[in-house]
N, C-alpha and C. Protein backbone atom coordinates (compact mmCIF):
# COMPACT_ATOMS: atom_id res chain seq x y z
N MET A 1 -81.62 -16.03 34.14
CA MET A 1 -82.34 -17.12 34.79
C MET A 1 -81.99 -17.10 36.27
N LYS A 2 -83.01 -17.24 37.09
CA LYS A 2 -82.83 -17.36 38.54
C LYS A 2 -83.24 -18.77 38.95
N VAL A 3 -82.53 -19.30 39.96
CA VAL A 3 -82.86 -20.62 40.50
C VAL A 3 -82.85 -20.52 42.02
N PHE A 4 -83.88 -21.04 42.65
CA PHE A 4 -83.99 -21.12 44.10
C PHE A 4 -84.33 -22.55 44.47
N GLN A 5 -83.71 -23.02 45.55
CA GLN A 5 -84.05 -24.36 46.02
C GLN A 5 -84.07 -24.36 47.54
N LYS A 6 -85.04 -25.10 48.08
CA LYS A 6 -85.21 -25.16 49.52
C LYS A 6 -85.75 -26.52 49.89
N GLU A 7 -85.20 -27.10 50.96
CA GLU A 7 -85.75 -28.34 51.50
C GLU A 7 -86.62 -27.99 52.71
N VAL A 8 -87.82 -28.53 52.75
CA VAL A 8 -88.73 -28.24 53.85
C VAL A 8 -89.22 -29.54 54.47
N GLN A 9 -89.49 -29.46 55.75
CA GLN A 9 -90.02 -30.59 56.51
C GLN A 9 -91.49 -30.32 56.78
N LEU A 10 -92.34 -31.24 56.34
CA LEU A 10 -93.76 -31.16 56.66
C LEU A 10 -94.02 -31.88 57.97
N ASN A 11 -95.00 -31.44 58.71
CA ASN A 11 -95.43 -32.16 59.89
C ASN A 11 -96.02 -33.49 59.47
N SER A 12 -96.23 -34.36 60.45
CA SER A 12 -96.86 -35.65 60.17
C SER A 12 -98.31 -35.45 59.75
N TYR A 13 -98.73 -36.23 58.80
CA TYR A 13 -100.12 -36.25 58.33
C TYR A 13 -100.67 -37.65 58.54
N SER A 14 -101.96 -37.74 58.75
CA SER A 14 -102.60 -39.04 58.82
C SER A 14 -102.62 -39.65 57.42
N ARG A 15 -102.88 -40.93 57.37
CA ARG A 15 -102.98 -41.60 56.08
C ARG A 15 -104.10 -40.95 55.28
N GLY A 16 -103.84 -40.70 54.00
CA GLY A 16 -104.84 -40.09 53.14
C GLY A 16 -104.21 -39.07 52.20
N PHE A 17 -105.07 -38.28 51.59
CA PHE A 17 -104.68 -37.30 50.58
C PHE A 17 -104.93 -35.91 51.17
N HIS A 18 -103.88 -35.08 51.20
CA HIS A 18 -103.94 -33.80 51.91
C HIS A 18 -103.49 -32.66 50.99
N LEU A 19 -104.25 -31.58 50.98
CA LEU A 19 -103.87 -30.39 50.22
C LEU A 19 -102.71 -29.68 50.92
N ILE A 20 -101.63 -29.43 50.18
CA ILE A 20 -100.47 -28.74 50.77
C ILE A 20 -100.06 -27.53 49.94
N THR A 21 -100.91 -27.09 49.03
CA THR A 21 -100.56 -25.98 48.14
C THR A 21 -100.14 -24.73 48.92
N GLU A 22 -100.92 -24.34 49.90
CA GLU A 22 -100.61 -23.11 50.65
C GLU A 22 -99.33 -23.26 51.47
N LYS A 23 -99.09 -24.43 52.03
CA LYS A 23 -97.84 -24.66 52.76
C LYS A 23 -96.64 -24.47 51.85
N ILE A 24 -96.76 -24.94 50.62
CA ILE A 24 -95.66 -24.78 49.66
C ILE A 24 -95.50 -23.31 49.29
N ARG A 25 -96.58 -22.63 49.00
CA ARG A 25 -96.49 -21.20 48.64
C ARG A 25 -95.79 -20.39 49.73
N THR A 26 -96.11 -20.67 50.98
CA THR A 26 -95.50 -19.89 52.06
C THR A 26 -94.04 -20.25 52.27
N GLN A 27 -93.64 -21.45 51.88
CA GLN A 27 -92.25 -21.88 52.08
C GLN A 27 -91.29 -21.35 51.02
N ILE A 28 -91.80 -20.95 49.88
CA ILE A 28 -90.92 -20.48 48.81
C ILE A 28 -91.49 -19.20 48.19
N PRO A 29 -91.35 -18.08 48.92
CA PRO A 29 -91.88 -16.80 48.44
C PRO A 29 -91.17 -16.27 47.20
N GLU A 30 -90.04 -16.87 46.84
CA GLU A 30 -89.31 -16.46 45.64
C GLU A 30 -90.15 -16.60 44.38
N ILE A 31 -91.21 -17.38 44.45
CA ILE A 31 -92.11 -17.51 43.30
C ILE A 31 -92.59 -16.13 42.85
N ARG A 32 -92.83 -15.25 43.81
CA ARG A 32 -93.34 -13.90 43.48
C ARG A 32 -92.37 -13.09 42.63
N GLU A 33 -91.10 -13.49 42.59
CA GLU A 33 -90.09 -12.77 41.81
C GLU A 33 -90.05 -13.21 40.35
N MET A 34 -90.79 -14.25 40.00
CA MET A 34 -90.71 -14.83 38.66
C MET A 34 -91.81 -14.32 37.75
N GLU A 35 -91.43 -13.88 36.57
CA GLU A 35 -92.41 -13.55 35.53
C GLU A 35 -92.90 -14.84 34.88
N GLN A 36 -91.93 -15.69 34.54
CA GLN A 36 -92.21 -16.99 33.94
C GLN A 36 -91.24 -17.99 34.53
N GLY A 37 -91.72 -19.17 34.82
CA GLY A 37 -90.81 -20.18 35.37
C GLY A 37 -91.54 -21.45 35.71
N MET A 38 -90.89 -22.24 36.54
CA MET A 38 -91.43 -23.53 36.96
C MET A 38 -91.12 -23.76 38.43
N LEU A 39 -92.04 -24.42 39.09
CA LEU A 39 -91.82 -24.95 40.43
C LEU A 39 -91.85 -26.46 40.34
N GLN A 40 -90.81 -27.10 40.84
CA GLN A 40 -90.81 -28.55 40.98
C GLN A 40 -90.88 -28.86 42.47
N VAL A 41 -91.80 -29.73 42.83
CA VAL A 41 -91.92 -30.22 44.20
C VAL A 41 -91.59 -31.70 44.15
N PHE A 42 -90.59 -32.10 44.94
CA PHE A 42 -90.10 -33.48 44.97
C PHE A 42 -90.17 -33.98 46.40
N ILE A 43 -90.72 -35.17 46.61
CA ILE A 43 -90.80 -35.77 47.94
C ILE A 43 -89.69 -36.81 48.09
N LYS A 44 -88.97 -36.76 49.21
CA LYS A 44 -87.80 -37.62 49.43
C LYS A 44 -88.18 -38.89 50.19
N HIS A 45 -89.23 -39.56 49.72
CA HIS A 45 -89.70 -40.75 50.42
C HIS A 45 -90.24 -41.75 49.39
N THR A 46 -90.30 -43.02 49.81
CA THR A 46 -90.79 -44.08 48.92
C THR A 46 -92.15 -44.63 49.33
N SER A 47 -92.72 -44.08 50.40
CA SER A 47 -94.03 -44.56 50.84
C SER A 47 -95.05 -43.43 50.94
N ALA A 48 -94.77 -42.33 50.26
CA ALA A 48 -95.70 -41.21 50.11
C ALA A 48 -95.48 -40.67 48.71
N SER A 49 -96.43 -39.90 48.22
CA SER A 49 -96.32 -39.40 46.86
C SER A 49 -96.95 -38.02 46.76
N LEU A 50 -96.88 -37.46 45.56
CA LEU A 50 -97.44 -36.15 45.27
C LEU A 50 -98.30 -36.25 44.01
N CYS A 51 -99.34 -35.43 43.95
CA CYS A 51 -100.11 -35.32 42.71
C CYS A 51 -100.88 -34.00 42.72
N LEU A 52 -101.42 -33.66 41.57
CA LEU A 52 -102.29 -32.49 41.42
C LEU A 52 -103.70 -32.98 41.20
N ASN A 53 -104.65 -32.34 41.91
CA ASN A 53 -106.04 -32.71 41.67
C ASN A 53 -106.96 -31.70 42.32
N GLU A 54 -108.21 -32.06 42.44
CA GLU A 54 -109.31 -31.23 42.95
C GLU A 54 -108.96 -30.57 44.29
N ASN A 55 -109.14 -29.26 44.38
CA ASN A 55 -108.80 -28.56 45.61
C ASN A 55 -110.02 -28.04 46.38
N ALA A 56 -111.23 -28.28 45.92
CA ALA A 56 -112.40 -27.68 46.56
C ALA A 56 -113.19 -28.67 47.41
N ASP A 57 -113.52 -29.81 46.86
CA ASP A 57 -114.40 -30.75 47.54
C ASP A 57 -113.56 -31.83 48.25
N PRO A 58 -113.56 -31.87 49.58
CA PRO A 58 -112.75 -32.84 50.30
C PRO A 58 -113.17 -34.29 50.07
N THR A 59 -114.38 -34.52 49.56
CA THR A 59 -114.78 -35.90 49.30
C THR A 59 -113.97 -36.52 48.17
N VAL A 60 -113.40 -35.69 47.31
CA VAL A 60 -112.52 -36.22 46.24
C VAL A 60 -111.32 -36.90 46.88
N ARG A 61 -110.72 -36.26 47.89
CA ARG A 61 -109.56 -36.84 48.56
C ARG A 61 -109.95 -38.12 49.31
N GLN A 62 -111.12 -38.13 49.88
CA GLN A 62 -111.63 -39.32 50.57
C GLN A 62 -111.82 -40.46 49.56
N ASP A 63 -112.37 -40.15 48.40
CA ASP A 63 -112.57 -41.17 47.37
C ASP A 63 -111.24 -41.68 46.81
N PHE A 64 -110.24 -40.80 46.69
CA PHE A 64 -108.92 -41.25 46.27
C PHE A 64 -108.40 -42.31 47.23
N GLU A 65 -108.46 -42.02 48.53
CA GLU A 65 -107.97 -42.97 49.54
C GLU A 65 -108.72 -44.29 49.44
N SER A 66 -110.03 -44.23 49.34
CA SER A 66 -110.83 -45.46 49.24
C SER A 66 -110.47 -46.27 48.00
N HIS A 67 -110.35 -45.60 46.86
CA HIS A 67 -110.04 -46.30 45.62
C HIS A 67 -108.64 -46.94 45.66
N PHE A 68 -107.65 -46.18 46.12
CA PHE A 68 -106.30 -46.73 46.15
C PHE A 68 -106.19 -47.90 47.11
N ASN A 69 -106.99 -47.92 48.18
CA ASN A 69 -106.97 -49.06 49.09
C ASN A 69 -107.59 -50.31 48.47
N VAL A 70 -108.53 -50.13 47.54
CA VAL A 70 -109.08 -51.27 46.80
C VAL A 70 -108.09 -51.70 45.71
N LEU A 71 -107.52 -50.72 45.02
CA LEU A 71 -106.58 -51.00 43.93
C LEU A 71 -105.32 -51.72 44.43
N VAL A 72 -104.81 -51.28 45.59
CA VAL A 72 -103.58 -51.84 46.16
C VAL A 72 -103.90 -52.26 47.60
N PRO A 73 -104.41 -53.46 47.79
CA PRO A 73 -104.84 -53.88 49.14
C PRO A 73 -103.66 -54.21 50.05
N GLU A 74 -103.90 -54.11 51.34
CA GLU A 74 -102.93 -54.58 52.33
C GLU A 74 -103.06 -56.08 52.47
N ASP A 75 -102.01 -56.69 52.98
CA ASP A 75 -101.99 -58.13 53.29
C ASP A 75 -102.22 -59.02 52.07
N ALA A 76 -101.83 -58.57 50.89
CA ALA A 76 -101.93 -59.45 49.73
C ALA A 76 -100.99 -60.63 49.94
N PRO A 77 -101.43 -61.83 49.67
CA PRO A 77 -100.62 -63.01 49.99
C PRO A 77 -99.32 -63.11 49.18
N TYR A 78 -99.20 -62.37 48.10
CA TYR A 78 -98.01 -62.45 47.27
C TYR A 78 -96.93 -61.43 47.65
N TYR A 79 -97.20 -60.52 48.62
CA TYR A 79 -96.17 -59.57 49.07
C TYR A 79 -95.07 -60.30 49.83
N VAL A 80 -93.84 -60.05 49.46
CA VAL A 80 -92.69 -60.60 50.15
C VAL A 80 -92.15 -59.58 51.15
N HIS A 81 -92.16 -58.30 50.78
CA HIS A 81 -91.66 -57.21 51.64
C HIS A 81 -92.74 -56.88 52.67
N THR A 82 -92.68 -57.55 53.83
CA THR A 82 -93.73 -57.40 54.84
C THR A 82 -93.21 -57.03 56.22
N TYR A 83 -91.90 -56.95 56.43
CA TYR A 83 -91.37 -56.77 57.78
C TYR A 83 -91.57 -55.37 58.35
N GLU A 84 -92.00 -54.40 57.56
CA GLU A 84 -92.26 -53.05 58.09
C GLU A 84 -93.74 -52.81 58.32
N GLY A 85 -94.54 -53.83 58.26
CA GLY A 85 -95.97 -53.70 58.54
C GLY A 85 -96.81 -53.89 57.29
N PRO A 86 -98.10 -54.14 57.48
CA PRO A 86 -98.98 -54.44 56.34
C PRO A 86 -99.25 -53.26 55.42
N ASP A 87 -98.98 -52.03 55.88
CA ASP A 87 -99.21 -50.86 55.04
C ASP A 87 -97.98 -50.46 54.21
N ASP A 88 -96.83 -51.09 54.48
CA ASP A 88 -95.58 -50.63 53.86
C ASP A 88 -95.49 -50.96 52.38
N MET A 89 -95.62 -52.22 51.99
CA MET A 89 -95.51 -52.56 50.57
C MET A 89 -96.60 -51.88 49.75
N PRO A 90 -97.85 -51.86 50.21
CA PRO A 90 -98.86 -51.11 49.46
C PRO A 90 -98.48 -49.63 49.32
N ALA A 91 -97.86 -49.06 50.35
CA ALA A 91 -97.43 -47.65 50.27
C ALA A 91 -96.40 -47.45 49.18
N HIS A 92 -95.46 -48.39 49.04
CA HIS A 92 -94.45 -48.28 47.98
C HIS A 92 -95.11 -48.36 46.60
N ILE A 93 -96.06 -49.26 46.44
CA ILE A 93 -96.74 -49.40 45.14
C ILE A 93 -97.54 -48.15 44.82
N LYS A 94 -98.28 -47.62 45.79
CA LYS A 94 -99.07 -46.40 45.57
C LYS A 94 -98.16 -45.23 45.21
N SER A 95 -97.02 -45.13 45.88
CA SER A 95 -96.07 -44.07 45.57
C SER A 95 -95.54 -44.20 44.14
N ALA A 96 -95.26 -45.43 43.72
CA ALA A 96 -94.77 -45.65 42.35
C ALA A 96 -95.85 -45.29 41.33
N LEU A 97 -97.11 -45.58 41.64
CA LEU A 97 -98.20 -45.26 40.71
C LEU A 97 -98.42 -43.76 40.57
N LEU A 98 -98.36 -43.03 41.67
CA LEU A 98 -98.65 -41.60 41.64
C LEU A 98 -97.42 -40.74 41.35
N GLY A 99 -96.27 -41.14 41.84
CA GLY A 99 -95.04 -40.41 41.54
C GLY A 99 -94.54 -39.57 42.69
N THR A 100 -93.29 -39.16 42.56
CA THR A 100 -92.60 -38.44 43.63
C THR A 100 -92.42 -36.95 43.35
N GLN A 101 -92.96 -36.46 42.25
CA GLN A 101 -92.79 -35.04 41.96
C GLN A 101 -93.94 -34.49 41.13
N VAL A 102 -94.13 -33.19 41.26
CA VAL A 102 -95.04 -32.45 40.39
C VAL A 102 -94.31 -31.19 39.93
N GLN A 103 -94.67 -30.72 38.75
CA GLN A 103 -94.15 -29.46 38.21
C GLN A 103 -95.31 -28.56 37.88
N ILE A 104 -95.18 -27.30 38.29
CA ILE A 104 -96.25 -26.33 38.07
C ILE A 104 -95.64 -25.09 37.43
N PRO A 105 -96.25 -24.59 36.34
CA PRO A 105 -95.75 -23.36 35.75
C PRO A 105 -95.97 -22.17 36.69
N ILE A 106 -95.07 -21.21 36.57
CA ILE A 106 -95.20 -19.94 37.28
C ILE A 106 -95.42 -18.87 36.24
N SER A 107 -96.45 -18.04 36.44
CA SER A 107 -96.74 -16.93 35.54
C SER A 107 -97.04 -15.69 36.38
N ASN A 108 -96.31 -14.63 36.09
CA ASN A 108 -96.52 -13.35 36.78
C ASN A 108 -96.50 -13.49 38.29
N GLY A 109 -95.52 -14.23 38.81
CA GLY A 109 -95.32 -14.34 40.24
C GLY A 109 -96.28 -15.25 40.98
N ARG A 110 -97.03 -16.07 40.24
CA ARG A 110 -98.02 -16.96 40.88
C ARG A 110 -97.95 -18.35 40.25
N LEU A 111 -98.32 -19.34 41.06
CA LEU A 111 -98.45 -20.69 40.50
C LEU A 111 -99.60 -20.67 39.51
N ASN A 112 -99.36 -21.18 38.32
CA ASN A 112 -100.37 -21.15 37.27
C ASN A 112 -101.16 -22.47 37.28
N LEU A 113 -101.91 -22.65 38.36
CA LEU A 113 -102.76 -23.82 38.52
C LEU A 113 -104.13 -23.55 37.95
N GLY A 114 -104.83 -24.60 37.58
CA GLY A 114 -106.21 -24.46 37.15
C GLY A 114 -107.09 -24.06 38.34
N THR A 115 -108.28 -23.59 38.03
CA THR A 115 -109.20 -23.09 39.06
C THR A 115 -109.39 -24.09 40.19
N TRP A 116 -109.50 -25.36 39.89
CA TRP A 116 -109.81 -26.36 40.90
C TRP A 116 -108.64 -27.29 41.19
N GLN A 117 -107.41 -26.85 40.91
CA GLN A 117 -106.25 -27.71 41.14
C GLN A 117 -105.50 -27.34 42.41
N GLY A 118 -105.04 -28.35 43.10
CA GLY A 118 -104.19 -28.18 44.26
C GLY A 118 -103.16 -29.29 44.31
N ILE A 119 -102.12 -29.06 45.11
CA ILE A 119 -101.05 -30.05 45.28
C ILE A 119 -101.42 -30.94 46.46
N TYR A 120 -101.40 -32.24 46.23
CA TYR A 120 -101.70 -33.21 47.28
C TYR A 120 -100.41 -33.84 47.80
N LEU A 121 -100.31 -33.96 49.12
CA LEU A 121 -99.42 -34.92 49.73
C LEU A 121 -100.25 -36.19 49.89
N CYS A 122 -99.81 -37.26 49.32
CA CYS A 122 -100.51 -38.54 49.38
C CYS A 122 -99.77 -39.40 50.39
N GLU A 123 -100.30 -39.45 51.60
CA GLU A 123 -99.65 -40.22 52.68
C GLU A 123 -100.22 -41.63 52.67
N HIS A 124 -99.34 -42.60 52.44
CA HIS A 124 -99.78 -43.97 52.28
C HIS A 124 -99.49 -44.87 53.49
N ARG A 125 -98.85 -44.32 54.53
CA ARG A 125 -98.56 -45.10 55.73
C ARG A 125 -99.52 -44.71 56.85
N ASP A 126 -99.76 -45.66 57.75
CA ASP A 126 -100.64 -45.40 58.90
C ASP A 126 -99.98 -44.48 59.92
N ARG A 127 -98.70 -44.65 60.16
CA ARG A 127 -98.01 -43.87 61.18
C ARG A 127 -96.70 -43.32 60.63
N ALA A 128 -96.75 -42.49 59.67
CA ALA A 128 -95.54 -41.91 59.08
C ALA A 128 -95.12 -40.69 59.89
N SER A 129 -93.82 -40.48 59.92
CA SER A 129 -93.33 -39.24 60.52
C SER A 129 -93.43 -38.15 59.47
N GLY A 130 -92.95 -36.96 59.78
CA GLY A 130 -93.00 -35.87 58.81
C GLY A 130 -92.30 -36.24 57.52
N ARG A 131 -92.66 -35.54 56.47
CA ARG A 131 -92.09 -35.81 55.14
C ARG A 131 -91.24 -34.63 54.70
N LYS A 132 -90.17 -34.93 53.96
CA LYS A 132 -89.28 -33.89 53.44
C LYS A 132 -89.58 -33.65 51.96
N LEU A 133 -89.67 -32.37 51.62
CA LEU A 133 -89.87 -31.95 50.23
C LEU A 133 -88.68 -31.11 49.80
N VAL A 134 -88.32 -31.21 48.53
CA VAL A 134 -87.36 -30.30 47.92
C VAL A 134 -88.15 -29.45 46.94
N LEU A 135 -88.12 -28.14 47.16
CA LEU A 135 -88.81 -27.18 46.31
C LEU A 135 -87.77 -26.47 45.46
N THR A 136 -87.92 -26.54 44.16
CA THR A 136 -86.98 -25.89 43.24
C THR A 136 -87.77 -24.98 42.30
N VAL A 137 -87.36 -23.72 42.25
CA VAL A 137 -87.98 -22.73 41.38
C VAL A 137 -86.92 -22.23 40.42
N TRP A 138 -87.27 -22.15 39.14
CA TRP A 138 -86.37 -21.55 38.16
C TRP A 138 -87.19 -20.75 37.16
N GLY A 139 -86.58 -19.70 36.67
CA GLY A 139 -87.26 -18.88 35.68
C GLY A 139 -86.65 -17.50 35.56
N ILE A 140 -87.45 -16.62 34.95
CA ILE A 140 -86.99 -15.24 34.74
C ILE A 140 -87.97 -14.26 35.38
């Protein structure tokens, strides 16, 4: 069994859902050494999240942002945690709903994603700085 781990810093992204699959592939070339294994991508933040979804049509990402803004509105009168701005508490809730990690199988040196799947960075803040990811690969 081989294990590789690397922490990477992503540049700042605007609020929304962004494909980062290729950025991850280039950051951890050790994937090519694996016949079978797993990649875990973990985000070290509480106001952004990760998920897997449609990688071809950008309107899917636009619709995700629109829907999550309706599902978890800003300035809800019952929010107590408000001192970091109106987007902060909704960002924490969105992150909790979507999650902080994804796992993808590795087969024959490649991420074994479906034809239309990609890894999203889900940025829930208006003015977030770069995000840190921990990439862990294990397998044979």
